Amino acid sequence: MKFLALPALLLCSVTAMASGQNAETYDYSQHLDIAKVIEFEAVPDVCELVTTHMTYEDHQGQRHVLAYQVMGKNCY
């Protein structure tokens, strides 16, 4: 089972590196114009604050990549 998780983690890390190159950093004061979510990264199985990315399309049809902070989902 753990052997299957490694390729998935590698794929997510490559996606994160590609997304992070042109990503806008989200700030809570921002107003986001999200018409359609194209893609978002899964929240990792860690217990710490991590940066993740979402790709979305605004109402003018332009795509944006947004970097934002989330708490990992492995906190018990």
PDB file of N, CA and C in Angstrom:
ATOM      1  N   MET A   1       0.821  -1.189   0.000  1.00  0.00           N
ATOM      2  CA  MET A   1       0.000   0.000   0.000  1.00  0.00           C
ATOM      3  C   MET A   1       0.865   1.254   0.000  1.00  0.00           C
ATOM      4  N   LYS A   2       1.931   1.256   0.814  1.00  0.00           N
ATOM      5  CA  LYS A   2       2.810   2.419   0.869  1.00  0.00           C
ATOM      6  C   LYS A   2       3.528   2.634  -0.456  1.00  0.00           C
ATOM      7  N   PHE A   3       3.775   1.549  -1.188  1.00  0.00           N
ATOM      8  CA  PHE A   3       4.445   1.680  -2.476  1.00  0.00           C
ATOM      9  C   PHE A   3       3.562   2.392  -3.488  1.00  0.00           C
ATOM     10  N   LEU A   4       2.257   2.267  -3.346  1.00  0.00           N
ATOM     11  CA  LEU A   4       1.335   2.955  -4.242  1.00  0.00           C
ATOM     12  C   LEU A   4       1.234   4.433  -3.906  1.00  0.00           C
ATOM     13  N   ALA A   5       1.460   4.775  -2.668  1.00  0.00           N
ATOM     14  CA  ALA A   5       1.355   6.177  -2.253  1.00  0.00           C
ATOM     15  C   ALA A   5       2.516   7.010  -2.774  1.00  0.00           C
ATOM     16  N   LEU A   6       3.686   6.416  -2.932  1.00  0.00           N
ATOM     17  CA  LEU A   6       4.855   7.164  -3.378  1.00  0.00           C
ATOM     18  C   LEU A   6       4.668   7.791  -4.755  1.00  0.00           C
ATOM     19  N   PRO A   7       4.202   7.044  -5.781  1.00  0.00           N
ATOM     20  CA  PRO A   7       3.984   7.698  -7.079  1.00  0.00           C
ATOM     21  C   PRO A   7       2.960   8.828  -7.003  1.00  0.00           C
ATOM     22  N   ALA A   8       1.939   8.659  -6.190  1.00  0.00           N
ATOM     23  CA  ALA A   8       0.931   9.713  -6.049  1.00  0.00           C
ATOM     24  C   ALA A   8       1.545  10.954  -5.412  1.00  0.00           C
ATOM     25  N   LEU A   9       2.377  10.773  -4.401  1.00  0.00           N
ATOM     26  CA  LEU A   9       3.036  11.913  -3.759  1.00  0.00           C
ATOM     27  C   LEU A   9       3.992  12.613  -4.715  1.00  0.00           C
ATOM     28  N   LEU A  10       4.709  11.834  -5.506  1.00  0.00           N
ATOM     29  CA  LEU A  10       5.619  12.438  -6.484  1.00  0.00           C
ATOM     30  C   LEU A  10       4.850  13.240  -7.516  1.00  0.00           C
ATOM     31  N   LEU A  11       3.725  12.712  -7.957  1.00  0.00           N
ATOM     32  CA  LEU A  11       2.900  13.432  -8.923  1.00  0.00           C
ATOM     33  C   LEU A  11       2.388  14.733  -8.325  1.00  0.00           C
ATOM     34  N   CYS A  12       1.951  14.697  -7.081  1.00  0.00           N
ATOM     35  CA  CYS A  12       1.474  15.916  -6.419  1.00  0.00           C
ATOM     36  C   CYS A  12       2.588  16.932  -6.260  1.00  0.00           C
ATOM     37  N   SER A  13       3.799  16.468  -5.957  1.00  0.00           N
ATOM     38  CA  SER A  13       4.897  17.416  -5.768  1.00  0.00           C
ATOM     39  C   SER A  13       5.293  18.060  -7.085  1.00  0.00           C
ATOM     40  N   VAL A  14       5.238  17.319  -8.194  1.00  0.00           N
ATOM     41  CA  VAL A  14       5.523  17.898  -9.507  1.00  0.00           C
ATOM     42  C   VAL A  14       4.454  18.914  -9.863  1.00  0.00           C
ATOM     43  N   THR A  15       3.192  18.600  -9.589  1.00  0.00           N
ATOM     44  CA  THR A  15       2.104  19.542  -9.842  1.00  0.00           C
ATOM     45  C   THR A  15       2.283  20.793  -9.001  1.00  0.00           C
ATOM     46  N   ALA A  16       2.686  20.628  -7.764  1.00  0.00           N
ATOM     47  CA  ALA A  16       2.883  21.787  -6.884  1.00  0.00           C
ATOM     48  C   ALA A  16       4.006  22.669  -7.388  1.00  0.00           C
ATOM     49  N   MET A  17       5.087  22.057  -7.862  1.00  0.00           N
ATOM     50  CA  MET A  17       6.190  22.862  -8.378  1.00  0.00           C
ATOM     51  C   MET A  17       5.761  23.619  -9.616  1.00  0.00           C
ATOM     52  N   ALA A  18       5.006  22.967 -10.495  1.00  0.00           N
ATOM     53  CA  ALA A  18       4.545  23.633 -11.708  1.00  0.00           C
ATOM     54  C   ALA A  18       3.556  24.735 -11.378  1.00  0.00           C
ATOM     55  N   SER A  19       2.657  24.478 -10.442  1.00  0.00           N
ATOM     56  CA  SER A  19       1.661  25.472 -10.065  1.00  0.00           C
ATOM     57  C   SER A  19       2.282  26.646  -9.331  1.00  0.00           C
ATOM     58  N   GLY A  20       3.278  26.368  -8.511  1.00  0.00           N
ATOM     59  CA  GLY A  20       3.864  27.395  -7.677  1.00  0.00           C
ATOM     60  C   GLY A  20       4.652  28.444  -8.434  1.00  0.00           C
ATOM     61  N   GLN A  21       5.029  28.174  -9.675  1.00  0.00           N
ATOM     62  CA  GLN A  21       5.860  29.108 -10.416  1.00  0.00           C
ATOM     63  C   GLN A  21       5.128  30.406 -10.719  1.00  0.00           C
ATOM     64  N   ASN A  22       3.855  30.356 -11.054  1.00  0.00           N
ATOM     65  CA  ASN A  22       3.109  31.547 -11.422  1.00  0.00           C
ATOM     66  C   ASN A  22       1.960  31.819 -10.460  1.00  0.00           C
ATOM     67  N   ALA A  23       2.044  31.305  -9.274  1.00  0.00           N
ATOM     68  CA  ALA A  23       0.919  31.391  -8.345  1.00  0.00           C
ATOM     69  C   ALA A  23       0.849  32.755  -7.665  1.00  0.00           C
ATOM     70  N   GLU A  24      -0.381  33.229  -7.507  1.00  0.00           N
ATOM     71  CA  GLU A  24      -0.645  34.415  -6.702  1.00  0.00           C
ATOM     72  C   GLU A  24      -0.821  33.928  -5.268  1.00  0.00           C
ATOM     73  N   THR A  25      -0.246  34.628  -4.312  1.00  0.00           N
ATOM     74  CA  THR A  25      -0.403  34.249  -2.911  1.00  0.00           C
ATOM     75  C   THR A  25      -1.685  34.861  -2.374  1.00  0.00           C
ATOM     76  N   TYR A  26      -2.546  34.005  -1.836  1.00  0.00           N
ATOM     77  CA  TYR A  26      -3.838  34.457  -1.325  1.00  0.00           C
ATOM     78  C   TYR A  26      -3.681  35.204  -0.010  1.00  0.00           C
ATOM     79  N   ASP A  27      -4.435  36.263   0.128  1.00  0.00           N
ATOM     80  CA  ASP A  27      -4.519  37.055   1.352  1.00  0.00           C
ATOM     81  C   ASP A  27      -6.002  37.159   1.702  1.00  0.00           C
ATOM     82  N   TYR A  28      -6.337  37.066   2.978  1.00  0.00           N
ATOM     83  CA  TYR A  28      -7.743  37.069   3.383  1.00  0.00           C
ATOM     84  C   TYR A  28      -8.491  38.329   2.982  1.00  0.00           C
ATOM     85  N   SER A  29      -7.792  39.402   2.700  1.00  0.00           N
ATOM     86  CA  SER A  29      -8.460  40.643   2.305  1.00  0.00           C
ATOM     87  C   SER A  29      -8.813  40.674   0.819  1.00  0.00           C
ATOM     88  N   GLN A  30      -8.349  39.690   0.053  1.00  0.00           N
ATOM     89  CA  GLN A  30      -8.604  39.662  -1.387  1.00  0.00           C
ATOM     90  C   GLN A  30     -10.033  39.241  -1.706  1.00  0.00           C
ATOM     91  N   HIS A  31     -10.585  39.853  -2.743  1.00  0.00           N
ATOM     92  CA  HIS A  31     -11.861  39.403  -3.298  1.00  0.00           C
ATOM     93  C   HIS A  31     -11.518  38.557  -4.514  1.00  0.00           C
ATOM     94  N   LEU A  32     -11.932  37.306  -4.515  1.00  0.00           N
ATOM     95  CA  LEU A  32     -11.624  36.410  -5.625  1.00  0.00           C
ATOM     96  C   LEU A  32     -12.818  36.295  -6.558  1.00  0.00           C
ATOM     97  N   ASP A  33     -12.562  36.396  -7.844  1.00  0.00           N
ATOM     98  CA  ASP A  33     -13.588  36.243  -8.873  1.00  0.00           C
ATOM     99  C   ASP A  33     -13.452  34.832  -9.447  1.00  0.00           C
ATOM    100  N   ILE A  34     -14.079  33.858  -8.807  1.00  0.00           N
ATOM    101  CA  ILE A  34     -13.961  32.460  -9.223  1.00  0.00           C
ATOM    102  C   ILE A  34     -15.248  32.038  -9.905  1.00  0.00           C
ATOM    103  N   ALA A  35     -15.157  31.791 -11.204  1.00  0.00           N
ATOM    104  CA  ALA A  35     -16.303  31.296 -11.951  1.00  0.00           C
ATOM    105  C   ALA A  35     -16.295  29.769 -11.987  1.00  0.00           C
ATOM    106  N   LYS A  36     -15.083  29.187 -12.051  1.00  0.00           N
ATOM    107  CA  LYS A  36     -14.977  27.735 -12.175  1.00  0.00           C
ATOM    108  C   LYS A  36     -13.638  27.278 -11.600  1.00  0.00           C
ATOM    109  N   VAL A  37     -13.673  26.274 -10.740  1.00  0.00           N
ATOM    110  CA  VAL A  37     -12.440  25.680 -10.221  1.00  0.00           C
ATOM    111  C   VAL A  37     -11.981  24.630 -11.222  1.00  0.00           C
ATOM    112  N   ILE A  38     -10.750  24.765 -11.683  1.00  0.00           N
ATOM    113  CA  ILE A  38     -10.192  23.835 -12.666  1.00  0.00           C
ATOM    114  C   ILE A  38      -9.511  22.661 -11.962  1.00  0.00           C
ATOM    115  N   GLU A  39      -8.689  22.983 -10.963  1.00  0.00           N
ATOM    116  CA  GLU A  39      -7.915  21.946 -10.283  1.00  0.00           C
ATOM    117  C   GLU A  39      -7.503  22.457  -8.908  1.00  0.00           C
ATOM    118  N   PHE A  40      -7.430  21.545  -7.941  1.00  0.00           N
ATOM    119  CA  PHE A  40      -6.854  21.901  -6.648  1.00  0.00           C
ATOM    120  C   PHE A  40      -6.105  20.702  -6.110  1.00  0.00           C
ATOM    121  N   GLU A  41      -5.070  21.001  -5.354  1.00  0.00           N
ATOM    122  CA  GLU A  41      -4.238  19.950  -4.786  1.00  0.00           C
ATOM    123  C   GLU A  41      -4.891  19.388  -3.530  1.00  0.00           C
ATOM    124  N   ALA A  42      -4.691  18.121  -3.323  1.00  0.00           N
ATOM    125  CA  ALA A  42      -5.208  17.479  -2.113  1.00  0.00           C
ATOM    126  C   ALA A  42      -4.438  17.979  -0.897  1.00  0.00           C
ATOM    127  N   VAL A  43      -5.114  18.048   0.224  1.00  0.00           N
ATOM    128  CA  VAL A  43      -4.467  18.437   1.479  1.00  0.00           C
ATOM    129  C   VAL A  43      -3.624  17.252   1.940  1.00  0.00           C
ATOM    130  N   PRO A  44      -2.337  17.470   2.207  1.00  0.00           N
ATOM    131  CA  PRO A  44      -1.464  16.353   2.578  1.00  0.00           C
ATOM    132  C   PRO A  44      -1.785  15.775   3.955  1.00  0.00           C
ATOM    133  N   ASP A  45      -1.345  14.538   4.164  1.00  0.00           N
ATOM    134  CA  ASP A  45      -1.545  13.829   5.435  1.00  0.00           C
ATOM    135  C   ASP A  45      -0.437  14.184   6.422  1.00  0.00           C
ATOM    136  N   VAL A  46      -0.379  15.437   6.805  1.00  0.00           N
ATOM    137  CA  VAL A  46       0.589  15.908   7.796  1.00  0.00           C
ATOM    138  C   VAL A  46      -0.163  16.714   8.845  1.00  0.00           C
ATOM    139  N   CYS A  47       0.497  17.013   9.934  1.00  0.00           N
ATOM    140  CA  CYS A  47      -0.126  17.841  10.968  1.00  0.00           C
ATOM    141  C   CYS A  47       0.682  19.126  11.102  1.00  0.00           C
ATOM    142  N   GLU A  48       0.598  19.950  10.088  1.00  0.00           N
ATOM    143  CA  GLU A  48       1.280  21.236  10.069  1.00  0.00           C
ATOM    144  C   GLU A  48       0.655  22.117   9.001  1.00  0.00           C
ATOM    145  N   LEU A  49       1.002  23.376   9.027  1.00  0.00           N
ATOM    146  CA  LEU A  49       0.517  24.322   8.038  1.00  0.00           C
ATOM    147  C   LEU A  49       1.313  24.136   6.755  1.00  0.00           C
ATOM    148  N   VAL A  50       0.616  23.948   5.632  1.00  0.00           N
ATOM    149  CA  VAL A  50       1.282  23.732   4.348  1.00  0.00           C
ATOM    150  C   VAL A  50       0.678  24.653   3.290  1.00  0.00           C
ATOM    151  N   THR A  51       1.446  24.903   2.252  1.00  0.00           N
ATOM    152  CA  THR A  51       0.966  25.683   1.119  1.00  0.00           C
ATOM    153  C   THR A  51       0.428  24.728   0.072  1.00  0.00           C
ATOM    154  N   THR A  52      -0.733  25.025  -0.441  1.00  0.00           N
ATOM    155  CA  THR A  52      -1.331  24.234  -1.509  1.00  0.00           C
ATOM    156  C   THR A  52      -1.792  25.187  -2.605  1.00  0.00           C
ATOM    157  N   HIS A  53      -2.220  24.652  -3.732  1.00  0.00           N
ATOM    158  CA  HIS A  53      -2.558  25.479  -4.889  1.00  0.00           C
ATOM    159  C   HIS A  53      -3.920  25.118  -5.465  1.00  0.00           C
ATOM    160  N   MET A  54      -4.557  26.122  -6.027  1.00  0.00           N
ATOM    161  CA  MET A  54      -5.821  25.932  -6.731  1.00  0.00           C
ATOM    162  C   MET A  54      -5.733  26.692  -8.052  1.00  0.00           C
ATOM    163  N   THR A  55      -6.165  26.050  -9.121  1.00  0.00           N
ATOM    164  CA  THR A  55      -6.261  26.705 -10.418  1.00  0.00           C
ATOM    165  C   THR A  55      -7.728  26.975 -10.678  1.00  0.00           C
ATOM    166  N   TYR A  56      -8.036  28.210 -11.031  1.00  0.00           N
ATOM    167  CA  TYR A  56      -9.429  28.566 -11.280  1.00  0.00           C
ATOM    168  C   TYR A  56      -9.536  29.501 -12.472  1.00  0.00           C
ATOM    169  N   GLU A  57     -10.752  29.619 -12.972  1.00  0.00           N
ATOM    170  CA  GLU A  57     -11.054  30.510 -14.090  1.00  0.00           C
ATOM    171  C   GLU A  57     -11.980  31.603 -13.575  1.00  0.00           C
ATOM    172  N   ASP A  58     -11.675  32.856 -13.935  1.00  0.00           N
ATOM    173  CA  ASP A  58     -12.539  33.954 -13.503  1.00  0.00           C
ATOM    174  C   ASP A  58     -13.670  34.161 -14.516  1.00  0.00           C
ATOM    175  N   HIS A  59     -14.535  35.134 -14.261  1.00  0.00           N
ATOM    176  CA  HIS A  59     -15.693  35.363 -15.128  1.00  0.00           C
ATOM    177  C   HIS A  59     -15.328  35.936 -16.494  1.00  0.00           C
ATOM    178  N   GLN A  60     -14.081  36.372 -16.660  1.00  0.00           N
ATOM    179  CA  GLN A  60     -13.619  36.835 -17.970  1.00  0.00           C
ATOM    180  C   GLN A  60     -12.935  35.713 -18.745  1.00  0.00           C
ATOM    181  N   GLY A  61     -12.857  34.529 -18.151  1.00  0.00           N
ATOM    182  CA  GLY A  61     -12.268  33.379 -18.822  1.00  0.00           C
ATOM    183  C   GLY A  61     -10.766  33.251 -18.629  1.00  0.00           C
ATOM    184  N   GLN A  62     -10.164  34.070 -17.776  1.00  0.00           N
ATOM    185  CA  GLN A  62      -8.728  33.988 -17.532  1.00  0.00           C
ATOM    186  C   GLN A  62      -8.453  32.998 -16.408  1.00  0.00           C
ATOM    187  N   ARG A  63      -7.376  32.219 -16.577  1.00  0.00           N
ATOM    188  CA  ARG A  63      -6.991  31.244 -15.555  1.00  0.00           C
ATOM    189  C   ARG A  63      -6.013  31.862 -14.579  1.00  0.00           C
ATOM    190  N   HIS A  64      -6.163  31.467 -13.324  1.00  0.00           N
ATOM    191  CA  HIS A  64      -5.292  31.932 -12.252  1.00  0.00           C
ATOM    192  C   HIS A  64      -4.866  30.732 -11.420  1.00  0.00           C
ATOM    193  N   VAL A  65      -3.665  30.808 -10.859  1.00  0.00           N
ATOM    194  CA  VAL A  65      -3.195  29.808  -9.903  1.00  0.00           C
ATOM    195  C   VAL A  65      -3.015  30.533  -8.582  1.00  0.00           C
ATOM    196  N   LEU A  66      -3.646  30.008  -7.561  1.00  0.00           N
ATOM    197  CA  LEU A  66      -3.658  30.636  -6.249  1.00  0.00           C
ATOM    198  C   LEU A  66      -2.932  29.745  -5.254  1.00  0.00           C
ATOM    199  N   ALA A  67      -1.976  30.306  -4.534  1.00  0.00           N
ATOM    200  CA  ALA A  67      -1.284  29.591  -3.460  1.00  0.00           C
ATOM    201  C   ALA A  67      -1.907  30.030  -2.145  1.00  0.00           C
ATOM    202  N   TYR A  68      -2.254  29.069  -1.298  1.00  0.00           N
ATOM    203  CA  TYR A  68      -2.869  29.402  -0.019  1.00  0.00           C
ATOM    204  C   TYR A  68      -2.459  28.391   1.041  1.00  0.00           C
ATOM    205  N   GLN A  69      -2.611  28.777   2.292  1.00  0.00           N
ATOM    206  CA  GLN A  69      -2.206  27.951   3.425  1.00  0.00           C
ATOM    207  C   GLN A  69      -3.381  27.124   3.943  1.00  0.00           C
ATOM    208  N   VAL A  70      -3.115  25.854   4.237  1.00  0.00           N
ATOM    209  CA  VAL A  70      -4.107  24.979   4.866  1.00  0.00           C
ATOM    210  C   VAL A  70      -3.420  24.168   5.955  1.00  0.00           C
ATOM    211  N   MET A  71      -4.206  23.695   6.889  1.00  0.00           N
ATOM    212  CA  MET A  71      -3.688  22.792   7.913  1.00  0.00           C
ATOM    213  C   MET A  71      -3.802  21.379   7.375  1.00  0.00           C
ATOM    214  N   GLY A  72      -2.743  20.602   7.488  1.00  0.00           N
ATOM    215  CA  GLY A  72      -2.766  19.223   7.034  1.00  0.00           C
ATOM    216  C   GLY A  72      -3.876  18.440   7.712  1.00  0.00           C
ATOM    217  N   LYS A  73      -4.265  17.336   7.101  1.00  0.00           N
ATOM    218  CA  LYS A  73      -5.426  16.598   7.614  1.00  0.00           C
ATOM    219  C   LYS A  73      -5.065  15.408   8.499  1.00  0.00           C
ATOM    220  N   ASN A  74      -3.849  15.374   9.018  1.00  0.00           N
ATOM    221  CA  ASN A  74      -3.455  14.239   9.845  1.00  0.00           C
ATOM    222  C   ASN A  74      -3.220  14.654  11.297  1.00  0.00           C
ATOM    223  N   CYS A  75      -4.033  15.559  11.797  1.00  0.00           N
ATOM    224  CA  CYS A  75      -3.924  15.988  13.199  1.00  0.00           C
ATOM    225  C   CYS A  75      -5.007  15.279  14.011  1.00  0.00           C
ATOM    226  N   TYR A  76      -4.596  14.540  15.005  1.00  0.00           N
ATOM    227  CA  TYR A  76      -5.559  13.806  15.831  1.00  0.00           C
ATOM    228  C   TYR A  76      -5.635  14.401  17.197  1.00  0.00           C
TER     229      TYR A  76
END
